[in-house]
C-alpha atoms as a PDB file:
ATOM      1  CA  UNK A   1     -11.751 -20.250 -28.974  1.00  0.00           C
ATOM      2  CA  UNK A   2     -10.035 -17.399 -30.739  1.00  0.00           C
ATOM      3  CA  UNK A   3     -12.149 -14.260 -30.356  1.00  0.00           C
ATOM      4  CA  UNK A   4     -11.584 -11.642 -32.966  1.00  0.00           C
ATOM      5  CA  UNK A   5     -13.836  -8.952 -31.461  1.00  0.00           C
ATOM      6  CA  UNK A   6     -11.971  -8.437 -28.164  1.00  0.00           C
ATOM      7  CA  UNK A   7      -8.444  -8.739 -26.976  1.00  0.00           C
ATOM      8  CA  UNK A   8      -7.659  -9.986 -23.447  1.00  0.00           C
ATOM      9  CA  UNK A   9      -5.219  -7.157 -22.946  1.00  0.00           C
ATOM     10  CA  UNK A  10      -7.795  -4.566 -23.932  1.00  0.00           C
ATOM     11  CA  UNK A  11      -8.687  -3.389 -20.407  1.00  0.00           C
ATOM     12  CA  UNK A  12      -9.189   0.231 -19.392  1.00  0.00           C
ATOM     13  CA  UNK A  13      -6.867   1.736 -16.823  1.00  0.00           C
ATOM     14  CA  UNK A  14      -9.910   3.016 -14.940  1.00  0.00           C
ATOM     15  CA  UNK A  15     -11.225  -0.527 -14.580  1.00  0.00           C
ATOM     16  CA  UNK A  16      -7.901  -1.740 -13.251  1.00  0.00           C
ATOM     17  CA  UNK A  17      -7.782   1.132 -10.774  1.00  0.00           C
ATOM     18  CA  UNK A  18     -11.280   0.301  -9.591  1.00  0.00           C
ATOM     19  CA  UNK A  19     -10.281  -3.320  -8.997  1.00  0.00           C
ATOM     20  CA  UNK A  20      -7.162  -2.221  -7.086  1.00  0.00           C
ATOM     21  CA  UNK A  21      -9.246   0.258  -5.042  1.00  0.00           C
ATOM     22  CA  UNK A  22     -11.753  -2.458  -4.094  1.00  0.00           C
ATOM     23  CA  UNK A  23      -8.924  -4.816  -3.099  1.00  0.00           C
ATOM     24  CA  UNK A  24      -7.271  -2.101  -1.014  1.00  0.00           C
ATOM     25  CA  UNK A  25     -10.526  -1.287   0.765  1.00  0.00           C
ATOM     26  CA  UNK A  26     -11.114  -4.989   1.477  1.00  0.00           C
ATOM     27  CA  UNK A  27      -7.590  -5.292   2.854  1.00  0.00           C
ATOM     28  CA  UNK A  28      -8.066  -2.259   5.137  1.00  0.00           C
ATOM     29  CA  UNK A  29     -11.395  -3.568   6.386  1.00  0.00           C
ATOM     30  CA  UNK A  30      -9.803  -6.906   7.205  1.00  0.00           C
ATOM     31  CA  UNK A  31      -6.992  -5.158   9.081  1.00  0.00           C
ATOM     32  CA  UNK A  32      -9.491  -3.096  11.085  1.00  0.00           C
ATOM     33  CA  UNK A  33     -11.586  -6.174  11.826  1.00  0.00           C
ATOM     34  CA  UNK A  34      -8.464  -8.014  12.992  1.00  0.00           C
ATOM     35  CA  UNK A  35      -7.479  -5.164  15.285  1.00  0.00           C
ATOM     36  CA  UNK A  36     -10.975  -5.066  16.787  1.00  0.00           C
ATOM     37  CA  UNK A  37     -10.890  -8.813  17.362  1.00  0.00           C
ATOM     38  CA  UNK A  38      -7.443  -8.561  18.999  1.00  0.00           C
ATOM     39  CA  UNK A  39      -8.695  -5.839  21.306  1.00  0.00           C
ATOM     40  CA  UNK A  40     -11.827  -7.833  22.142  1.00  0.00           C
ATOM     41  CA  UNK A  41      -9.842 -10.939  23.013  1.00  0.00           C
ATOM     42  CA  UNK A  42      -7.379  -8.867  25.066  1.00  0.00           C
ATOM     43  CA  UNK A  43     -10.296  -7.498  27.096  1.00  0.00           C
ATOM     44  CA  UNK A  44     -11.761 -10.968  27.466  1.00  0.00           C
ATOM     45  CA  UNK A  45      -8.407 -12.258  28.716  1.00  0.00           C
ATOM     46  CA  UNK A  46      -8.463  -9.537  31.400  1.00  0.00           C
ATOM     47  CA  UNK A  47     -11.953 -10.461  32.692  1.00  0.00           C
ATOM     48  CA  UNK A  48     -10.810 -13.180  35.158  1.00  0.00           C
ATOM     49  CA  UNK A  49      -8.240 -10.794  36.656  1.00  0.00           C
ATOM     50  CA  UNK A  50     -10.878  -8.070  37.002  1.00  0.00           C
ATOM     51  CA  UNK A  51     -13.277 -10.516  38.673  1.00  0.00           C
ATOM     52  CA  UNK A  52     -10.543 -11.483  41.132  1.00  0.00           C
ATOM     53  CA  UNK A  53      -9.875  -7.834  41.949  1.00  0.00           C
ATOM     54  CA  UNK A  54     -13.590  -7.216  42.513  1.00  0.00           C
ATOM     55  CA  UNK A  55     -13.813 -10.256  44.815  1.00  0.00           C
ATOM     56  CA  UNK A  56     -10.797  -9.090  46.827  1.00  0.00           C
ATOM     57  CA  UNK A  57     -12.239  -5.564  47.139  1.00  0.00           C
ATOM     58  CA  UNK A  58     -15.629  -6.911  48.215  1.00  0.00           C
ATOM     59  CA  UNK A  59     -14.047  -9.177  50.853  1.00  0.00           C
ATOM     60  CA  UNK A  60     -11.896  -6.309  52.155  1.00  0.00           C
ATOM     61  CA  UNK A  61     -14.933  -4.043  52.349  1.00  0.00           C
ATOM     62  CA  UNK A  62     -16.905  -6.756  54.167  1.00  0.00           C
ATOM     63  CA  UNK A  63     -14.143  -7.327  56.702  1.00  0.00           C
ATOM     64  CA  UNK A  64     -13.807  -3.600  57.422  1.00  0.00           C
ATOM     65  CA  UNK A  65     -17.633  -3.283  57.823  1.00  0.00           C
ATOM     66  CA  UNK A  66     -17.891  -0.880  54.880  1.00  0.00           C
ATOM     67  CA  UNK A  67     -20.611  -2.950  53.216  1.00  0.00           C
END
């Protein structure tokens, strides 16, 4: 199990920076995706209220003979 040709601690700084960069990009993408999902669900929560407003406006327009 002991390898004499390579040491586990023998890792380039550039390789570590690339790994950190990929992890940071993944983290940012997950944050953006979460924000988009939150916005989408907030809009979906508002849909019943918007439908009620449209129904009230349509009834008011019908009663005032505007339709």
